[in-house]
Protein backbone atom coordinates (compact mmCIF):
# COMPACT_ATOMS: atom_id res chain seq x y z
CA MET A 1 -23.96 47.14 -34.89
CA GLN A 2 -20.43 45.56 -35.31
CA LEU A 3 -20.74 42.72 -37.94
CA ASP A 4 -18.17 39.82 -38.66
CA ASP A 5 -17.54 38.71 -42.05
CA GLN A 6 -20.00 35.97 -41.92
CA GLN A 7 -22.63 37.95 -40.66
CA GLN A 8 -22.32 41.24 -42.74
CA ARG A 9 -22.30 38.85 -46.14
CA ALA A 10 -24.81 36.86 -45.30
CA ARG A 11 -26.72 40.42 -44.70
CA ALA A 12 -25.48 41.67 -47.96
CA TRP A 13 -26.43 38.79 -49.60
CA PHE A 14 -30.39 39.12 -48.42
CA GLU A 15 -30.05 42.52 -49.40
CA SER A 16 -29.22 41.90 -52.65
CA LEU A 17 -31.79 39.27 -53.54
CA ARG A 18 -33.78 41.61 -52.43
CA ASP A 19 -33.41 44.12 -54.56
CA GLN A 20 -33.86 41.14 -57.36
CA ILE A 21 -36.72 39.73 -56.39
CA CYS A 22 -38.63 43.36 -56.20
CA ALA A 23 -36.64 44.94 -59.47
CA GLU A 24 -38.31 41.49 -61.17
CA PHE A 25 -42.00 41.85 -59.35
CA GLU A 26 -41.71 45.03 -60.59
CA ALA A 27 -41.18 44.57 -63.83
CA ILE A 28 -44.15 41.97 -64.06
CA GLU A 29 -46.08 44.69 -63.20
CA ARG A 30 -45.21 47.10 -66.15
CA GLU A 31 -45.50 44.26 -68.39
CA ALA A 32 -49.40 44.26 -67.01
CA GLY A 33 -49.77 47.73 -67.84
CA SER A 34 -49.37 48.79 -64.00
CA ASP A 35 -46.95 51.37 -62.83
CA ALA A 36 -46.58 50.11 -59.19
CA THR A 37 -43.54 50.06 -57.17
CA PHE A 38 -42.05 48.90 -53.98
CA ALA A 39 -42.58 51.49 -50.72
CA TYR A 40 -40.25 50.61 -48.27
CA THR A 41 -40.07 51.78 -44.91
CA PRO A 42 -36.78 51.66 -42.90
CA TRP A 43 -37.09 50.78 -39.42
CA ASP A 44 -35.32 50.80 -35.99
CA ARG A 45 -35.17 48.25 -33.22
CA THR A 46 -33.95 48.57 -29.73
CA ASP A 47 -34.02 45.74 -27.02
CA ALA A 48 -35.87 45.89 -23.58
CA SER A 49 -33.45 48.10 -22.59
CA GLY A 50 -33.65 50.98 -25.30
CA ALA A 51 -30.10 49.80 -26.99
CA PRO A 52 -29.78 49.99 -30.25
CA GLY A 53 -30.36 46.38 -31.77
CA GLY A 54 -30.43 46.78 -35.73
CA GLY A 55 -33.39 47.08 -37.65
CA GLY A 56 -34.79 46.47 -41.36
CA VAL A 57 -36.35 47.87 -44.62
CA ARG A 58 -39.97 46.50 -45.31
CA GLY A 59 -40.97 46.46 -49.02
CA VAL A 60 -44.64 46.29 -49.66
CA MET A 61 -46.19 46.49 -53.17
CA LYS A 62 -49.49 46.53 -53.83
CA GLY A 63 -50.54 46.52 -57.89
CA ARG A 64 -52.64 44.84 -60.40
CA VAL A 65 -51.24 41.31 -60.58
CA PHE A 66 -49.73 41.28 -56.76
CA GLU A 67 -52.63 42.59 -54.88
CA LYS A 68 -50.11 42.83 -51.74
CA VAL A 69 -46.72 41.39 -51.53
CA GLY A 70 -43.77 42.41 -48.98
CA VAL A 71 -40.81 41.23 -49.29
CA ASN A 72 -38.40 42.37 -45.86
CA VAL A 73 -35.63 42.55 -44.89
CA SER A 74 -34.02 42.86 -41.40
CA THR A 75 -30.54 42.64 -39.46
CA VAL A 76 -31.26 42.62 -35.75
CA GLY A 77 -29.45 41.54 -32.47
CA GLY A 78 -29.42 41.56 -28.76
CA SER A 79 -30.64 39.02 -25.82
CA PHE A 80 -33.61 36.98 -25.61
CA GLU A 81 -35.80 37.82 -23.32
CA GLY A 82 -36.48 35.03 -20.01
CA GLU A 83 -37.74 31.65 -21.03
CA PHE A 84 -37.95 31.96 -24.90
CA ALA A 85 -33.77 32.19 -24.86
CA LYS A 86 -34.07 28.43 -23.97
CA THR A 87 -36.90 27.64 -27.33
CA ILE A 88 -33.62 28.65 -29.77
CA HIS A 89 -30.74 26.81 -30.89
CA GLY A 90 -27.52 27.75 -28.82
CA ALA A 91 -29.31 30.11 -26.76
CA ALA A 92 -30.36 28.51 -23.26
CA GLU A 93 -27.34 29.01 -21.57
CA ASP A 94 -26.58 32.37 -23.30
CA PRO A 95 -29.39 34.57 -24.41
CA SER A 96 -27.19 36.40 -26.90
CA PHE A 97 -28.22 36.83 -30.75
CA PHE A 98 -27.41 38.25 -33.89
CA ALA A 99 -29.82 37.32 -36.88
CA THR A 100 -30.33 38.75 -40.61
CA GLY A 101 -32.75 37.33 -43.48
CA ILE A 102 -34.97 38.12 -45.57
CA SER A 103 -39.16 37.26 -45.73
CA LEU A 104 -41.56 36.99 -48.65
CA VAL A 105 -44.83 36.76 -49.05
CA ALA A 106 -46.83 37.43 -52.44
CA HIS A 107 -50.76 37.50 -52.73
CA MET A 108 -52.01 37.53 -55.52
CA ALA A 109 -54.52 39.07 -57.16
CA ASN A 110 -55.82 36.77 -59.87
CA PRO A 111 -56.84 33.48 -57.87
CA GLN A 112 -55.15 31.07 -60.55
CA VAL A 113 -52.07 32.17 -59.96
CA PRO A 114 -50.56 30.83 -56.50
CA ALA A 115 -49.78 32.98 -53.48
CA VAL A 116 -45.98 32.24 -52.49
CA HIS A 117 -43.81 32.71 -48.98
CA MET A 118 -39.87 32.20 -48.59
CA ASN A 119 -37.50 32.93 -46.25
CA THR A 120 -33.91 32.54 -45.64
CA ARG A 121 -32.56 33.38 -42.89
CA PHE A 122 -28.55 33.22 -40.80
CA LEU A 123 -28.59 33.35 -37.11
CA VAL A 124 -25.51 33.30 -34.22
CA THR A 125 -25.94 32.36 -31.03
CA THR A 126 -23.41 30.36 -29.20
CA ARG A 127 -23.90 28.51 -32.73
CA ARG A 128 -24.27 29.65 -35.94
CA TRP A 129 -26.70 28.54 -38.92
CA PHE A 130 -28.98 28.93 -41.93
CA GLY A 131 -32.54 28.06 -42.33
CA GLY A 132 -35.53 28.56 -44.38
CA GLY A 133 -37.08 27.77 -47.44
CA ALA A 134 -40.51 28.52 -49.60
CA ASP A 135 -43.68 27.15 -49.85
CA LEU A 136 -46.50 27.42 -52.79
CA ASN A 137 -49.97 27.96 -51.91
CA PRO A 138 -51.93 28.20 -54.74
CA PRO A 139 -56.16 28.39 -54.46
CA LEU A 140 -56.60 26.76 -56.96
CA PRO A 141 -53.83 24.02 -57.59
CA ILE A 142 -51.89 23.08 -61.39
CA ALA A 143 -49.84 20.06 -61.75
CA GLU A 144 -47.46 22.01 -64.03
CA ASP A 145 -46.99 25.19 -61.61
CA THR A 146 -46.33 22.80 -58.39
CA ASP A 147 -44.13 20.71 -60.60
CA ASP A 148 -42.25 23.67 -61.71
CA PHE A 149 -41.61 24.79 -58.43
CA HIS A 150 -40.52 21.77 -56.55
CA ALA A 151 -38.03 21.33 -59.95
CA GLU A 152 -36.62 24.29 -59.20
CA LEU A 153 -35.88 23.66 -54.99
CA LYS A 154 -34.78 20.13 -55.89
CA LYS A 155 -31.79 21.37 -58.45
CA ALA A 156 -30.82 23.17 -56.19
CA CYS A 157 -31.00 20.61 -53.14
CA ASP A 158 -29.15 18.53 -55.26
CA ALA A 159 -26.28 20.72 -56.25
CA HIS A 160 -25.67 20.24 -52.80
CA ASP A 161 -26.64 17.29 -51.04
CA PRO A 162 -28.65 14.72 -52.99
CA ALA A 163 -30.58 14.02 -49.82
CA HIS A 164 -31.44 17.32 -49.07
CA TYR A 165 -34.62 17.55 -50.94
CA ASP A 166 -36.54 14.33 -49.91
CA ARG A 167 -35.83 15.67 -46.56
CA PHE A 168 -36.55 19.00 -46.64
CA LYS A 169 -39.62 18.71 -48.85
CA ALA A 170 -41.15 16.67 -45.94
CA TRP A 171 -39.84 19.11 -43.43
CA ALA A 172 -42.09 21.71 -45.09
CA ASP A 173 -44.90 19.14 -45.38
CA ASP A 174 -45.21 18.31 -41.54
CA TYR A 175 -43.99 22.05 -40.81
CA PHE A 176 -46.85 24.08 -43.42
CA TYR A 177 -49.54 21.79 -42.16
CA LEU A 178 -52.39 23.35 -39.34
CA PRO A 179 -53.47 20.96 -36.95
CA HIS A 180 -56.64 22.18 -36.27
CA ARG A 181 -58.07 21.87 -40.22
CA GLN A 182 -56.57 19.22 -41.06
CA VAL A 183 -54.57 20.48 -44.11
CA HIS A 184 -51.66 21.74 -45.37
CA ARG A 185 -51.41 25.25 -46.32
CA GLY A 186 -50.58 24.83 -50.11
CA VAL A 187 -48.67 22.20 -51.96
CA GLY A 188 -45.10 22.76 -50.27
CA GLY A 189 -41.92 22.66 -51.15
CA ILE A 190 -38.87 22.72 -48.74
CA PHE A 191 -38.09 23.63 -45.09
CA TYR A 192 -34.72 23.86 -43.77
CA ASP A 193 -33.48 25.35 -40.20
CA HIS A 194 -29.51 24.53 -37.94
CA LEU A 195 -28.28 23.80 -40.89
CA GLU A 196 -24.18 24.36 -39.44
CA GLY A 197 -20.77 23.32 -39.64
CA ASP A 198 -19.46 24.42 -43.21
CA PHE A 199 -20.57 28.13 -43.69
CA GLU A 200 -19.02 28.69 -46.95
CA ALA A 201 -21.11 25.36 -48.12
CA ASN A 202 -24.20 26.10 -46.22
CA PHE A 203 -24.20 29.73 -47.62
CA ALA A 204 -24.02 28.26 -51.22
CA PHE A 205 -26.97 26.40 -50.82
CA THR A 206 -28.71 29.05 -48.93
CA GLN A 207 -27.76 31.76 -52.04
CA ASP A 208 -29.00 28.85 -54.24
CA VAL A 209 -32.24 28.18 -52.81
CA GLY A 210 -33.12 32.31 -53.44
CA ARG A 211 -31.93 31.95 -56.70
CA ALA A 212 -34.05 29.35 -57.43
CA PHE A 213 -36.89 30.84 -56.07
CA LEU A 214 -36.13 34.07 -58.23
CA SER A 215 -35.84 31.75 -61.40
CA ALA A 216 -39.40 29.45 -60.40
CA TYR A 217 -41.96 31.89 -59.15
CA PRO A 218 -41.80 34.79 -61.97
CA ARG A 219 -42.05 32.18 -64.45
CA ILE A 220 -45.37 30.53 -62.80
CA VAL A 221 -47.15 34.48 -62.35
CA ARG A 222 -46.47 35.49 -65.96
CA ARG A 223 -47.95 32.14 -66.56
CA ARG A 224 -51.47 32.70 -65.26
CA MET A 225 -51.41 36.30 -64.29
CA ASN A 226 -53.61 36.86 -67.78
CA ALA A 227 -56.00 33.63 -67.67
CA ALA A 228 -60.00 34.06 -66.54
CA PHE A 229 -61.58 33.40 -63.83
CA THR A 230 -64.91 32.51 -62.00
CA PRO A 231 -66.38 34.11 -58.79
CA GLU A 232 -66.21 31.14 -57.46
CA ASP A 233 -62.52 30.69 -57.70
CA GLU A 234 -62.22 34.41 -55.96
CA ALA A 235 -64.11 33.11 -53.11
CA ARG A 236 -62.06 29.83 -53.15
CA MET A 237 -59.13 32.46 -53.17
CA LEU A 238 -60.48 34.37 -49.95
CA GLU A 239 -61.15 30.97 -48.12
CA TRP A 240 -57.49 29.91 -48.69
CA ARG A 241 -56.39 32.84 -47.20
CA GLY A 242 -58.04 33.00 -44.49
CA ARG A 243 -55.78 29.42 -43.62
CA TYR A 244 -52.68 30.95 -44.33
CA ALA A 245 -53.55 33.68 -41.91
CA GLU A 246 -54.46 31.31 -39.40
CA PHE A 247 -51.27 29.67 -40.12
CA ASN A 248 -49.01 32.61 -39.33
CA LEU A 249 -50.78 33.85 -36.73
CA VAL A 250 -51.19 30.99 -34.73
CA TYR A 251 -48.55 28.43 -35.59
CA ASP A 252 -45.46 30.41 -37.73
CA ARG A 253 -42.52 30.35 -35.60
CA GLY A 254 -41.22 33.52 -37.57
CA THR A 255 -44.08 35.34 -36.38
CA LEU A 256 -43.44 34.62 -32.89
CA PHE A 257 -39.69 35.47 -33.29
CA GLY A 258 -40.47 38.52 -34.70
CA LEU A 259 -42.46 39.69 -31.73
CA LYS A 260 -40.25 38.26 -28.96
CA THR A 261 -36.79 40.24 -30.21
CA GLY A 262 -38.64 43.35 -30.83
CA GLY A 263 -39.46 43.77 -34.42
CA ASN A 264 -41.21 45.76 -36.44
CA ILE A 265 -45.21 45.07 -35.70
CA GLU A 266 -46.28 45.80 -39.75
CA ALA A 267 -43.11 44.32 -40.95
CA ILE A 268 -44.25 41.02 -38.99
CA LEU A 269 -47.67 41.17 -39.94
CA MET A 270 -47.03 42.05 -43.60
CA SER A 271 -47.59 37.95 -44.50
CA LEU A 272 -51.38 39.03 -43.77
CA PRO A 273 -53.47 39.41 -46.81
CA PRO A 274 -55.88 42.22 -47.49
CA ARG A 275 -58.80 40.06 -48.00
CA ALA A 276 -59.70 37.03 -46.31
CA THR A 277 -63.02 35.03 -45.36
CA TRP A 278 -64.34 32.71 -43.04
CA SER A 279 -67.34 30.85 -43.45
């Protein structure tokens, strides 16, 4: 794939952020006495005609603290097929697209440690925009952790636009919701999309979202990873993992985007928990 300067810079950042996050998560595992590391699996994408269209790398680690964490990066391009093009910003008249991004989901061994999701991306159709966000998913919510996570995201938002945090927090509350359960899947975070116009400003904001995640989440993990928990706590965690799976399979737009654009199935579904229960 031939990438222009903006596309290459975005790709390089997402891959750099992946490296920083994975190194930090592996360090946490070492602190817990585990030698777990990420296993990386590259994959190539071809479009409906068999032509190459980029690819990515799926990274998964299963350890003592992180029961399962996936950190994926991908850079793909081609054309949206059929009616799906009409659902994508700027693709109704021209279905060609480019997308690069990072996607992360962590399911933790200790129910006192919140699960988490983070995703940021850069897309090009006839428009160019950034999107993404992060949200915390604790089976057993603790106000200190929730406040810490939101404070870091708010600081990142406030550095760019004082209106960002309230808007993107409300967007996350609306998006990360299971209508059939009438519950939010966690304690929220931020979600944004179609951030376009000034590439430099929007790229800088997206980078700061990644840095805010890297600042907040490992701190929360270290704070809780050695906490005691009961069988009832674990049962609660497995129940909430079921809710998480329901959201990602029924409502998540990223899952649909990956499936509709010929992404790697294992990478797309890496967000699913290793264990879950339904009553």
